[in-house]
Amino acid sequence: MIIRIVVGGYLHTIVVVGYKGDAFYVHDPARGPYVEVSRRELVSVWGANNYRAIVVRGLRRS
């Protein structure tokens, strides 16, 4: 899932690649791949941008 967040008053884009318990793992161009972020922190910065997201699903195989 690609989400738009607000950090320091600026819009920023990260990719959520997984979760375990209350921890989410994101690829962040500013911080690197597989950065662990708490649920609380993610909801805080994501909510500041009205929870905007793009969900990418795998291709359907026939």
C-alpha atoms as a PDB file:
ATOM      1  CA  MET A   1       0.000   0.000   0.000  1.00  0.00           C
ATOM      2  CA  ILE A   2       1.350   3.413  -0.951  1.00  0.00           C
ATOM      3  CA  ILE A   3       0.413   6.127   1.514  1.00  0.00           C
ATOM      4  CA  ARG A   4       0.825   9.884   1.716  1.00  0.00           C
ATOM      5  CA  ILE A   5       1.850  11.161   5.116  1.00  0.00           C
ATOM      6  CA  VAL A   6       2.652  14.542   6.627  1.00  0.00           C
ATOM      7  CA  VAL A   7       6.068  14.897   8.269  1.00  0.00           C
ATOM      8  CA  GLY A   8       7.278  18.251   9.531  1.00  0.00           C
ATOM      9  CA  GLY A   9       4.451  19.973   7.681  1.00  0.00           C
ATOM     10  CA  TYR A  10       5.458  18.442   4.329  1.00  0.00           C
ATOM     11  CA  LEU A  11       3.783  15.710   2.281  1.00  0.00           C
ATOM     12  CA  HIS A  12       5.822  12.532   1.969  1.00  0.00           C
ATOM     13  CA  THR A  13       5.146   9.159   0.324  1.00  0.00           C
ATOM     14  CA  ILE A  14       6.009   5.761   1.813  1.00  0.00           C
ATOM     15  CA  VAL A  15       5.179   2.162   0.921  1.00  0.00           C
ATOM     16  CA  VAL A  16       3.801  -0.142   3.612  1.00  0.00           C
ATOM     17  CA  VAL A  17       5.217  -3.606   2.903  1.00  0.00           C
ATOM     18  CA  GLY A  18       4.174  -5.579   5.976  1.00  0.00           C
ATOM     19  CA  TYR A  19       3.179  -5.661   9.609  1.00  0.00           C
ATOM     20  CA  LYS A  20       3.548  -7.796  12.705  1.00  0.00           C
ATOM     21  CA  GLY A  21       1.581  -7.029  15.839  1.00  0.00           C
ATOM     22  CA  ASP A  22       1.623  -3.256  16.348  1.00  0.00           C
ATOM     23  CA  ALA A  23       4.668  -2.729  14.118  1.00  0.00           C
ATOM     24  CA  PHE A  24       4.483  -1.793  10.449  1.00  0.00           C
ATOM     25  CA  TYR A  25       7.339  -2.096   7.989  1.00  0.00           C
ATOM     26  CA  VAL A  26       7.709   0.614   5.380  1.00  0.00           C
ATOM     27  CA  HIS A  27      10.007   1.517   2.530  1.00  0.00           C
ATOM     28  CA  ASP A  28      10.760   5.193   3.051  1.00  0.00           C
ATOM     29  CA  PRO A  29      12.895   7.062   0.506  1.00  0.00           C
ATOM     30  CA  ALA A  30      14.194   9.304   3.308  1.00  0.00           C
ATOM     31  CA  ARG A  31      14.979   6.530   5.826  1.00  0.00           C
ATOM     32  CA  GLY A  32      15.527   3.389   3.761  1.00  0.00           C
ATOM     33  CA  PRO A  33      13.840   0.003   3.252  1.00  0.00           C
ATOM     34  CA  TYR A  34      12.094  -2.051   5.937  1.00  0.00           C
ATOM     35  CA  VAL A  35      11.879   0.738   8.501  1.00  0.00           C
ATOM     36  CA  GLU A  36       9.870  -0.369  11.548  1.00  0.00           C
ATOM     37  CA  VAL A  37       7.155   2.116  12.521  1.00  0.00           C
ATOM     38  CA  SER A  38       4.723   1.756  15.422  1.00  0.00           C
ATOM     39  CA  ARG A  39       1.016   1.669  14.655  1.00  0.00           C
ATOM     40  CA  ARG A  40       0.573   4.804  16.751  1.00  0.00           C
ATOM     41  CA  GLU A  41       3.207   6.754  14.797  1.00  0.00           C
ATOM     42  CA  LEU A  42       1.874   5.585  11.427  1.00  0.00           C
ATOM     43  CA  VAL A  43      -1.724   6.516  12.247  1.00  0.00           C
ATOM     44  CA  SER A  44      -0.591   9.922  13.501  1.00  0.00           C
ATOM     45  CA  VAL A  45       1.332  10.958  10.371  1.00  0.00           C
ATOM     46  CA  TRP A  46      -1.101   9.257   7.987  1.00  0.00           C
ATOM     47  CA  GLY A  47      -4.225  10.739   9.616  1.00  0.00           C
ATOM     48  CA  ALA A  48      -2.803  14.231   9.149  1.00  0.00           C
ATOM     49  CA  ASN A  49      -3.351  13.652   5.403  1.00  0.00           C
ATOM     50  CA  ASN A  50      -6.879  12.184   5.701  1.00  0.00           C
ATOM     51  CA  TYR A  51      -5.631   8.583   5.339  1.00  0.00           C
ATOM     52  CA  ARG A  52      -4.922   8.853   1.613  1.00  0.00           C
ATOM     53  CA  ALA A  53      -3.633   5.637   0.094  1.00  0.00           C
ATOM     54  CA  ILE A  54      -3.296   3.570  -3.054  1.00  0.00           C
ATOM     55  CA  VAL A  55      -3.673  -0.176  -2.662  1.00  0.00           C
ATOM     56  CA  VAL A  56      -1.850  -2.322  -5.211  1.00  0.00           C
ATOM     57  CA  ARG A  57      -3.015  -5.913  -5.510  1.00  0.00           C
ATOM     58  CA  GLY A  58      -1.322  -8.754  -7.313  1.00  0.00           C
ATOM     59  CA  LEU A  59      -2.379  -9.733 -10.802  1.00  0.00           C
ATOM     60  CA  ARG A  60      -5.150 -12.238 -11.159  1.00  0.00           C
ATOM     61  CA  ARG A  61      -3.999 -15.459 -12.771  1.00  0.00           C
ATOM     62  CA  SER A  62      -6.355 -17.297 -15.085  1.00  0.00           C
END
